[in-house]
Amino acid sequence: MNRIVGRDLLSRRKFMSKGDILVVDDLPNNLRFVSTILTERGYKVRSAINGQMALTVAKAAQPDLILLDIKMPEMDGYEVCECLKSQAETREIPVIFLSALDEPVDKVKAFEVGGVDYISKPFHVEEILARITNHLELQAAKNEIQQLNDQLEFRVQQRTAQLEREIAERQRAQDQLLHLALHDALTDLPNRAWFMKRLGHTIHRAKQQPLCQYAVLFLDCDRFKMVNDSFGHLAGDQLLISVARRLEICLHPVDTLSRFGGDEFALLIEGLSAVEDAIEVAQSIQKEIAAPFHINNHKVFINASIGIVFGSKEYEQPEHLLRDADTAMYRAKELGKGRYQVFSREMHQRTFSTLQLETDLRLALKEQEFHTCYQPIVSLESGEIVEFETLVRWLPKILGLKPRPSRTALYYNIGVRVTSNVGRTTTNLTNSIVKVRGFQHNPC
């Protein structure tokens, strides 16, 4: 590409031998002589007999080159050249001085004020024509380079604008991906990741500002599965969207509402002045949720179980707050659903104990730590054994006798194991009447 442009410039310069020349001299004979020579060579020539006229002509229609005499009345050539170079319209016009002054100081001054060449009088015609041709070609090349630079700058601006559009589009795409990564696709609420990040910032701020109080509410929609099974998943999605919109009504702009998945929502309430503020929010939510929802031309009623935990300096991780709010929510479900429950340390201990007990029960089944005992029941009339009462003892190998476990799904597995043991034992009690009344654990 550069070679093509270079050849094009050379080819154009071969034909750039003519131009518009302004000749400035206060002597008419000099003007006539120079103008005649240049006109015969095909140049367009304009004349000025003093400096002021030269400035006016040059500003009216910029020539390609100016031949300027130095010694002129009122305004000499140096002053004319300085004025030409000080104005934007004429600054780029090349000026060749024509003068009878031949001292080096005169030539130096001519170049200092902006002249491009200096021709001493008397001059040879061939010299002046050669120098005019060279400077016109130089000026033409300079103008062409300027045009190329302008075109290049224009292309750069176009490319820059295109890149800015591409960057903006990429930024929008990244913002959209970030929004999708941090928001729930169904309700457009912040998701768990965003909520946990926001909660982490709130915990950090509360440690720096002790008066900053906050609370986390964990909400689960009661009877949602029934609606999903009755009307379908699309209706369930519509219900969740409606629930999200109602929850937003109950919050302030500084609060954060998030959908964790399914029918579970988490709320971060900030700027509390008292613990009662969070309870009022829970009550407001329950009132909003209790109103009927219109799904597929049907009125649908649901409730919400809400767990509340208040922030304190003891909390270091967002997961701990969320864990306790979830514990309080399940406690609200245990107490009858459709209500709220404030977390207490006893809840966590009870939940932990239940989890530990279920773990121990599973290990006990695996290690066969449940033992069946048979207590005979004797008829007072005949003195004979008429039946046996089956008892189960949990005898762990390490901790000794365990207390009776609370009701758990593992009851069924324990019952199966006991029934199997009783069945095997029955064959050895053929002389007695065996009647298994059921599974009863006696701590004695």
Protein backbone atom coordinates (compact mmCIF):
# COMPACT_ATOMS: atom_id res chain seq x y z
CA MET A 1 0.00 0.00 0.00
CA ASN A 2 2.82 2.44 0.92
CA ARG A 3 4.61 1.72 -2.40
CA ILE A 4 1.45 2.41 -4.39
CA VAL A 5 0.93 5.71 -2.58
CA GLY A 6 4.58 6.67 -3.18
CA ARG A 7 4.38 5.96 -6.93
CA ASP A 8 1.15 7.89 -7.09
CA LEU A 9 2.77 10.90 -5.43
CA LEU A 10 5.72 10.80 -7.87
CA SER A 11 3.45 10.56 -10.88
CA ARG A 12 1.40 13.50 -9.69
CA ARG A 13 4.45 15.66 -9.05
CA LYS A 14 5.54 15.25 -12.67
CA PHE A 15 2.44 17.09 -13.76
CA MET A 16 2.43 19.70 -10.97
CA SER A 17 4.49 22.28 -12.90
CA LYS A 18 1.92 25.13 -12.92
CA GLY A 19 0.30 27.07 -10.14
CA ASP A 20 -1.07 30.37 -8.84
CA ILE A 21 1.75 32.82 -7.98
CA LEU A 22 1.51 36.20 -6.29
CA VAL A 23 4.35 38.60 -7.20
CA VAL A 24 4.90 41.51 -4.78
CA ASP A 25 7.21 44.38 -5.81
CA ASP A 26 6.93 48.17 -5.59
CA LEU A 27 8.68 48.65 -8.97
CA PRO A 28 6.31 48.21 -11.96
CA ASN A 29 9.13 47.16 -14.30
CA ASN A 30 10.15 44.32 -12.01
CA LEU A 31 6.54 43.26 -11.68
CA ARG A 32 6.04 43.28 -15.43
CA PHE A 33 9.20 41.33 -16.13
CA VAL A 34 8.62 38.57 -13.60
CA SER A 35 4.92 38.30 -14.46
CA THR A 36 5.69 37.96 -18.18
CA ILE A 37 8.23 35.21 -17.61
CA LEU A 38 5.87 33.22 -15.39
CA THR A 39 2.83 33.76 -17.58
CA GLU A 40 4.70 32.49 -20.63
CA ARG A 41 5.57 29.35 -18.68
CA GLY A 42 1.87 28.69 -17.95
CA TYR A 43 1.60 30.04 -14.43
CA LYS A 44 -1.34 32.09 -13.24
CA VAL A 45 0.16 35.36 -11.99
CA ARG A 46 -1.28 38.06 -9.71
CA SER A 47 0.55 41.25 -8.75
CA ALA A 48 0.71 43.58 -5.75
CA ILE A 49 2.68 46.85 -5.58
CA ASN A 50 2.91 47.11 -1.77
CA GLY A 51 2.73 45.03 1.36
CA GLN A 52 -0.84 45.89 2.40
CA MET A 53 -2.20 45.02 -1.05
CA ALA A 54 -0.27 41.73 -0.92
CA LEU A 55 -1.89 40.80 2.41
CA THR A 56 -5.36 41.62 1.08
CA VAL A 57 -4.90 39.60 -2.12
CA ALA A 58 -3.39 36.65 -0.29
CA LYS A 59 -6.25 36.50 2.22
CA ALA A 60 -8.91 36.85 -0.49
CA ALA A 61 -7.62 33.91 -2.54
CA GLN A 62 -4.59 32.04 -1.24
CA PRO A 63 -1.91 31.64 -3.95
CA ASP A 64 0.27 28.55 -4.24
CA LEU A 65 3.45 30.62 -3.81
CA ILE A 66 4.49 34.24 -3.18
CA LEU A 67 7.50 36.02 -4.71
CA LEU A 68 8.19 38.86 -2.27
CA ASP A 69 10.50 41.86 -2.57
CA ILE A 70 12.13 43.12 0.65
CA LYS A 71 12.69 46.83 0.13
CA MET A 72 9.24 48.44 -0.16
CA PRO A 73 7.83 51.68 1.33
CA GLU A 74 5.59 51.66 4.43
CA MET A 75 5.83 47.85 4.95
CA ASP A 76 8.94 45.95 3.88
CA GLY A 77 9.00 42.29 2.84
CA TYR A 78 10.03 41.05 6.29
CA GLU A 79 6.94 42.61 7.89
CA VAL A 80 4.70 41.25 5.14
CA CYS A 81 6.05 37.76 5.65
CA GLU A 82 5.59 37.98 9.43
CA CYS A 83 1.95 39.04 8.93
CA LEU A 84 1.37 36.19 6.50
CA LYS A 85 2.78 33.62 8.95
CA SER A 86 0.77 35.00 11.86
CA GLN A 87 -2.60 34.33 10.19
CA ALA A 88 -4.09 30.89 9.85
CA GLU A 89 -5.37 31.48 6.30
CA THR A 90 -1.93 32.34 4.87
CA ARG A 91 0.46 30.60 7.25
CA GLU A 92 1.19 27.65 4.93
CA ILE A 93 1.85 29.66 1.72
CA PRO A 94 5.54 29.34 0.78
CA VAL A 95 7.33 32.72 0.43
CA ILE A 96 10.43 33.19 -1.76
CA PHE A 97 12.23 36.48 -1.23
CA LEU A 98 13.46 38.41 -4.32
CA SER A 99 15.89 41.15 -3.33
CA ALA A 100 18.95 43.07 -4.38
CA LEU A 101 20.18 42.75 -0.78
CA ASP A 102 22.86 40.09 -0.85
CA GLU A 103 24.31 40.26 2.65
CA PRO A 104 24.17 37.08 4.78
CA VAL A 105 22.36 38.95 7.55
CA ASP A 106 19.54 39.80 5.13
CA LYS A 107 19.20 36.19 4.03
CA VAL A 108 19.24 34.93 7.62
CA LYS A 109 16.51 37.38 8.61
CA ALA A 110 14.44 36.29 5.61
CA PHE A 111 14.52 32.69 6.81
CA GLU A 112 13.84 33.75 10.42
CA VAL A 113 10.58 35.47 9.49
CA GLY A 114 9.35 32.37 7.61
CA GLY A 115 10.74 32.49 4.09
CA VAL A 116 11.46 29.19 2.33
CA ASP A 117 14.05 30.53 -0.14
CA TYR A 118 16.03 33.59 -1.09
CA ILE A 119 16.90 34.72 -4.66
CA SER A 120 19.30 37.63 -5.12
CA LYS A 121 18.82 40.21 -7.86
CA PRO A 122 19.80 40.20 -10.62
CA PHE A 123 18.68 36.61 -11.06
CA HIS A 124 18.74 34.12 -13.89
CA VAL A 125 15.40 33.10 -15.34
CA GLU A 126 16.29 29.42 -15.17
CA GLU A 127 17.17 29.77 -11.48
CA ILE A 128 13.91 31.40 -10.49
CA LEU A 129 11.88 28.91 -12.55
CA ALA A 130 13.71 25.93 -11.02
CA ARG A 131 13.23 27.17 -7.50
CA ILE A 132 9.57 27.97 -8.08
CA THR A 133 9.01 24.50 -9.52
CA ASN A 134 10.77 22.80 -6.60
CA HIS A 135 8.84 24.72 -3.95
CA LEU A 136 5.51 24.22 -5.72
CA GLU A 137 6.17 20.49 -5.85
CA LEU A 138 7.22 20.49 -2.23
CA GLN A 139 4.09 22.39 -1.28
CA ALA A 140 1.93 20.05 -3.37
CA ALA A 141 3.55 17.04 -1.74
CA LYS A 142 3.03 18.65 1.67
CA ASN A 143 -0.62 19.32 0.88
CA GLU A 144 -1.09 15.77 -0.33
CA ILE A 145 0.55 14.38 2.77
CA GLN A 146 -1.77 16.57 4.82
CA GLN A 147 -4.74 15.18 2.91
CA LEU A 148 -3.51 11.66 3.51
CA ASN A 149 -3.07 12.48 7.19
CA ASP A 150 -6.57 13.92 7.30
CA GLN A 151 -7.93 10.77 5.65
CA LEU A 152 -5.97 8.63 8.06
CA GLU A 153 -7.23 10.63 11.00
CA PHE A 154 -10.78 10.29 9.69
CA ARG A 155 -10.32 6.52 9.38
CA VAL A 156 -8.83 6.41 12.87
CA GLN A 157 -11.82 8.33 14.19
CA GLN A 158 -14.16 5.95 12.38
CA ARG A 159 -12.30 2.93 13.75
CA THR A 160 -12.20 4.48 17.20
CA ALA A 161 -15.95 5.05 17.08
CA GLN A 162 -16.42 1.46 15.89
CA LEU A 163 -14.20 0.17 18.70
CA GLU A 164 -16.11 2.27 21.22
CA ARG A 165 -19.36 0.75 19.97
CA GLU A 166 -17.87 -2.73 20.16
CA ILE A 167 -16.57 -2.05 23.66
CA ALA A 168 -19.97 -0.70 24.69
CA GLU A 169 -21.70 -3.75 23.23
CA ARG A 170 -19.23 -6.05 24.97
CA GLN A 171 -19.74 -4.17 28.22
CA ARG A 172 -23.50 -4.52 27.85
CA ALA A 173 -23.06 -8.24 27.21
CA GLN A 174 -20.82 -8.57 30.26
CA ASP A 175 -23.29 -6.61 32.36
CA GLN A 176 -26.07 -8.87 31.13
CA LEU A 177 -24.07 -12.00 31.92
CA LEU A 178 -23.24 -10.61 35.36
CA HIS A 179 -26.90 -9.80 35.92
CA LEU A 180 -27.88 -13.34 34.91
CA ALA A 181 -25.19 -14.78 37.17
CA LEU A 182 -26.41 -12.80 40.19
CA HIS A 183 -30.18 -12.79 39.63
CA ASP A 184 -32.95 -15.33 39.58
CA ALA A 185 -34.17 -15.94 36.03
CA LEU A 186 -37.83 -16.33 37.05
CA THR A 187 -38.41 -13.41 39.41
CA ASP A 188 -35.41 -11.23 38.44
CA LEU A 189 -34.58 -10.95 42.13
CA PRO A 190 -31.00 -11.20 43.39
CA ASN A 191 -30.01 -14.82 43.86
CA ARG A 192 -28.21 -16.57 46.71
CA ALA A 193 -24.72 -15.52 45.54
CA TRP A 194 -25.65 -11.84 45.46
CA PHE A 195 -27.48 -12.05 48.79
CA MET A 196 -24.53 -13.71 50.55
CA LYS A 197 -22.15 -11.09 49.18
CA ARG A 198 -24.40 -8.26 50.33
CA LEU A 199 -24.86 -9.90 53.73
CA GLY A 200 -21.07 -10.23 54.09
CA HIS A 201 -20.67 -6.47 53.48
CA THR A 202 -23.38 -5.76 56.05
CA ILE A 203 -21.64 -7.93 58.68
CA HIS A 204 -18.36 -6.10 58.04
CA ARG A 205 -20.02 -2.68 58.26
CA ALA A 206 -21.83 -3.62 61.47
CA LYS A 207 -18.50 -4.49 63.12
CA GLN A 208 -17.15 -1.05 62.23
CA GLN A 209 -20.39 0.73 63.17
CA PRO A 210 -21.87 -0.91 66.30
CA LEU A 211 -25.10 1.09 65.99
CA CYS A 212 -25.81 -0.50 62.61
CA GLN A 213 -28.54 -3.08 63.30
CA TYR A 214 -29.86 -5.59 60.79
CA ALA A 215 -31.83 -8.80 60.57
CA VAL A 216 -32.21 -11.73 58.18
CA LEU A 217 -35.62 -13.21 57.42
CA PHE A 218 -35.89 -16.61 55.78
CA LEU A 219 -39.27 -17.35 54.25
CA ASP A 220 -40.85 -20.53 52.91
CA CYS A 221 -44.23 -20.62 51.19
CA ASP A 222 -46.58 -23.09 52.88
CA ARG A 223 -48.82 -25.19 50.62
CA PHE A 224 -46.84 -24.20 47.53
CA LYS A 225 -46.32 -27.83 46.52
CA MET A 226 -50.08 -28.36 46.61
CA VAL A 227 -50.57 -25.47 44.18
CA ASN A 228 -47.80 -26.81 41.94
CA ASP A 229 -49.30 -30.30 41.89
CA SER A 230 -52.85 -29.02 41.34
CA PHE A 231 -52.32 -26.39 38.64
CA GLY A 232 -48.94 -27.31 37.14
CA HIS A 233 -45.48 -25.81 37.17
CA LEU A 234 -46.39 -22.81 35.01
CA ALA A 235 -49.00 -21.81 37.55
CA GLY A 236 -46.42 -22.38 40.28
CA ASP A 237 -44.00 -20.05 38.51
CA GLN A 238 -46.69 -17.42 38.19
CA LEU A 239 -47.40 -17.74 41.90
CA LEU A 240 -43.72 -17.30 42.78
CA ILE A 241 -43.53 -14.15 40.64
CA SER A 242 -46.59 -12.76 42.40
CA VAL A 243 -45.12 -13.60 45.80
CA ALA A 244 -41.89 -11.79 44.85
CA ARG A 245 -43.80 -8.67 43.85
CA ARG A 246 -45.75 -8.67 47.12
CA LEU A 247 -42.60 -9.11 49.15
CA GLU A 248 -41.04 -6.09 47.43
CA ILE A 249 -43.95 -3.97 48.66
CA CYS A 250 -43.03 -4.73 52.26
CA LEU A 251 -39.39 -3.61 52.00
CA HIS A 252 -37.51 -0.33 52.05
CA PRO A 253 -35.04 0.66 49.28
CA VAL A 254 -32.04 -0.22 51.49
CA ASP A 255 -33.32 -3.76 52.11
CA THR A 256 -32.41 -6.76 49.97
CA LEU A 257 -34.83 -9.43 48.76
CA SER A 258 -33.51 -12.63 47.24
CA ARG A 259 -34.96 -15.85 45.91
CA PHE A 260 -32.93 -18.86 46.98
CA GLY A 261 -34.73 -21.38 44.81
CA GLY A 262 -38.00 -23.26 44.93
CA ASP A 263 -40.39 -21.39 47.21
CA GLU A 264 -37.72 -20.01 49.55
CA PHE A 265 -36.90 -16.31 49.86
CA ALA A 266 -34.37 -14.46 52.01
CA LEU A 267 -34.61 -10.86 53.16
CA LEU A 268 -31.90 -8.61 54.57
CA ILE A 269 -33.44 -5.81 56.64
CA GLU A 270 -31.01 -2.97 57.37
CA GLY A 271 -31.17 0.24 59.35
CA LEU A 272 -33.22 -1.23 62.22
CA SER A 273 -33.89 1.05 65.18
CA ALA A 274 -35.29 -1.82 67.27
CA VAL A 275 -35.89 -5.57 66.99
CA GLU A 276 -39.59 -4.86 66.69
CA ASP A 277 -38.96 -3.35 63.24
CA ALA A 278 -38.03 -6.75 61.79
CA ILE A 279 -41.04 -8.36 63.43
CA GLU A 280 -43.29 -5.70 61.90
CA VAL A 281 -41.82 -6.54 58.48
CA ALA A 282 -42.59 -10.25 59.07
CA GLN A 283 -46.15 -9.40 60.09
CA SER A 284 -46.56 -7.19 57.04
CA ILE A 285 -45.30 -10.01 54.81
CA GLN A 286 -47.72 -12.52 56.31
CA LYS A 287 -50.57 -10.10 55.78
CA GLU A 288 -49.64 -9.62 52.12
CA ILE A 289 -49.14 -13.35 51.50
CA ALA A 290 -52.42 -14.25 53.19
CA ALA A 291 -54.41 -12.30 50.58
CA PRO A 292 -55.68 -14.52 47.73
CA PHE A 293 -53.63 -14.97 44.58
CA HIS A 294 -55.39 -15.20 41.23
CA ILE A 295 -53.87 -18.10 39.30
CA ASN A 296 -55.53 -19.47 36.13
CA ASN A 297 -58.85 -17.85 37.06
CA HIS A 298 -58.70 -19.47 40.50
CA LYS A 299 -58.23 -17.92 43.90
CA VAL A 300 -55.28 -19.53 45.62
CA PHE A 301 -54.43 -19.12 49.29
CA ILE A 302 -51.03 -19.80 50.79
CA ASN A 303 -49.18 -18.89 53.97
CA ALA A 304 -45.60 -18.14 54.80
CA SER A 305 -43.41 -19.52 57.56
CA ILE A 306 -40.71 -17.01 58.47
CA GLY A 307 -37.56 -17.38 60.51
CA ILE A 308 -35.95 -14.25 61.94
CA VAL A 309 -32.39 -13.83 63.17
CA PHE A 310 -30.89 -10.56 64.35
CA GLY A 311 -27.34 -9.62 63.51
CA SER A 312 -24.82 -9.43 66.33
CA LYS A 313 -21.07 -9.23 66.81
CA GLU A 314 -20.97 -13.00 67.29
CA TYR A 315 -21.66 -13.59 63.61
CA GLU A 316 -18.57 -13.72 61.40
CA GLN A 317 -19.89 -15.49 58.31
CA PRO A 318 -23.07 -14.92 56.26
CA GLU A 319 -23.66 -18.69 56.23
CA HIS A 320 -24.10 -18.70 60.02
CA LEU A 321 -26.83 -16.07 59.90
CA LEU A 322 -28.61 -17.89 57.12
CA ARG A 323 -28.32 -21.21 58.98
CA ASP A 324 -29.96 -19.77 62.08
CA ALA A 325 -32.70 -18.02 60.10
CA ASP A 326 -33.43 -21.33 58.37
CA THR A 327 -33.56 -23.08 61.77
CA ALA A 328 -36.06 -20.53 63.05
CA MET A 329 -38.16 -20.94 59.91
CA TYR A 330 -38.41 -24.71 60.38
CA ARG A 331 -39.30 -24.15 64.01
CA ALA A 332 -42.17 -21.93 62.82
CA LYS A 333 -43.32 -24.80 60.58
CA GLU A 334 -43.18 -27.23 63.51
CA LEU A 335 -45.38 -24.89 65.55
CA GLY A 336 -48.12 -24.88 62.92
CA LYS A 337 -46.89 -22.97 59.83
CA GLY A 338 -48.14 -19.58 58.69
CA ARG A 339 -46.24 -17.81 61.44
CA TYR A 340 -42.87 -16.28 62.25
CA GLN A 341 -40.31 -17.38 64.79
CA VAL A 342 -37.32 -15.49 66.20
CA PHE A 343 -34.16 -17.56 66.46
CA SER A 344 -32.76 -18.50 69.86
CA ARG A 345 -29.64 -20.43 70.84
CA GLU A 346 -31.82 -23.23 72.21
CA MET A 347 -33.14 -23.85 68.69
CA HIS A 348 -29.65 -24.37 67.37
CA GLN A 349 -28.77 -26.71 70.23
CA ARG A 350 -31.97 -28.69 69.73
CA THR A 351 -31.36 -28.97 66.00
CA PHE A 352 -27.77 -30.03 66.56
CA SER A 353 -28.83 -32.59 69.15
CA THR A 354 -31.45 -34.04 66.82
CA LEU A 355 -28.91 -34.31 64.02
CA GLN A 356 -26.41 -35.98 66.32
CA LEU A 357 -29.03 -38.38 67.62
CA GLU A 358 -30.07 -39.41 64.11
CA THR A 359 -26.41 -39.99 63.26
CA ASP A 360 -26.01 -42.17 66.36
CA LEU A 361 -29.19 -44.10 65.47
CA ARG A 362 -27.89 -44.89 62.01
CA LEU A 363 -24.60 -46.08 63.45
CA ALA A 364 -26.49 -48.12 66.06
CA LEU A 365 -28.49 -49.90 63.36
CA LYS A 366 -25.30 -50.64 61.47
CA GLU A 367 -23.47 -51.89 64.56
CA GLN A 368 -26.54 -53.85 65.83
CA GLU A 369 -26.66 -51.96 69.11
CA PHE A 370 -30.43 -52.49 69.54
CA HIS A 371 -31.23 -55.55 71.66
CA THR A 372 -34.67 -57.12 72.13
CA CYS A 373 -35.78 -58.25 75.57
CA TYR A 374 -38.82 -60.36 76.34
CA GLN A 375 -40.80 -59.81 79.51
CA PRO A 376 -43.17 -62.69 80.27
CA ILE A 377 -46.76 -62.01 81.22
CA VAL A 378 -48.12 -64.67 83.61
CA SER A 379 -51.78 -65.53 84.15
CA LEU A 380 -52.75 -65.02 87.78
CA GLU A 381 -55.34 -67.78 87.50
CA SER A 382 -53.21 -70.56 86.01
CA GLY A 383 -49.70 -69.31 86.80
CA GLU A 384 -48.67 -69.98 83.22
CA ILE A 385 -46.92 -67.66 80.79
CA VAL A 386 -49.56 -66.54 78.37
CA GLU A 387 -47.58 -64.03 76.33
CA PHE A 388 -44.41 -61.91 76.13
CA GLU A 389 -43.97 -58.17 75.97
CA THR A 390 -41.12 -57.22 73.61
CA LEU A 391 -38.83 -54.44 74.78
CA VAL A 392 -35.93 -52.79 72.93
CA ARG A 393 -32.75 -51.71 74.65
CA TRP A 394 -30.24 -49.38 72.93
CA LEU A 395 -26.89 -50.39 74.30
CA PRO A 396 -24.16 -48.36 72.57
CA LYS A 397 -20.70 -49.82 72.83
CA ILE A 398 -19.11 -46.65 74.15
CA LEU A 399 -21.55 -44.28 75.85
CA GLY A 400 -23.75 -46.73 77.69
CA LEU A 401 -27.55 -46.65 77.83
CA LYS A 402 -29.06 -43.99 75.57
CA PRO A 403 -32.24 -41.99 76.28
CA ARG A 404 -35.39 -42.69 74.29
CA PRO A 405 -35.02 -40.99 70.86
CA SER A 406 -37.53 -38.42 69.70
CA ARG A 407 -39.80 -39.39 66.82
CA THR A 408 -37.80 -39.72 63.63
CA ALA A 409 -38.01 -41.42 60.26
CA LEU A 410 -35.55 -43.98 61.57
CA TYR A 411 -38.34 -45.43 63.72
CA TYR A 412 -39.41 -47.49 60.75
CA ASN A 413 -35.97 -49.01 60.29
CA ILE A 414 -35.74 -49.79 63.99
CA GLY A 415 -39.16 -51.41 63.89
CA VAL A 416 -38.17 -53.61 60.96
CA ARG A 417 -35.06 -54.75 62.82
CA VAL A 418 -37.04 -55.53 66.00
CA THR A 419 -39.75 -57.43 64.12
CA SER A 420 -37.07 -59.51 62.40
CA ASN A 421 -35.47 -60.37 65.73
CA VAL A 422 -38.82 -61.30 67.27
CA GLY A 423 -39.60 -63.55 64.31
CA ARG A 424 -36.39 -65.46 64.76
CA THR A 425 -36.92 -65.74 68.52
CA THR A 426 -40.47 -67.09 68.17
CA THR A 427 -39.25 -70.49 66.99
CA ASN A 428 -37.50 -70.95 70.33
CA LEU A 429 -40.65 -70.16 72.32
CA THR A 430 -42.90 -72.93 71.03
CA ASN A 431 -44.18 -73.78 74.52
CA SER A 432 -45.35 -70.22 75.20
CA ILE A 433 -47.90 -67.90 73.67
CA VAL A 434 -46.04 -65.08 71.99
CA LYS A 435 -47.84 -61.91 71.21
CA VAL A 436 -45.89 -58.88 70.13
CA ARG A 437 -47.78 -55.84 71.26
CA GLY A 438 -45.51 -53.38 69.45
CA PHE A 439 -42.34 -51.41 69.78
CA GLN A 440 -41.91 -49.68 73.13
CA HIS A 441 -38.62 -48.41 74.52
CA ASN A 442 -38.26 -48.57 78.31
CA PRO A 443 -35.38 -46.48 79.65
CA CYS A 444 -35.06 -48.55 82.82
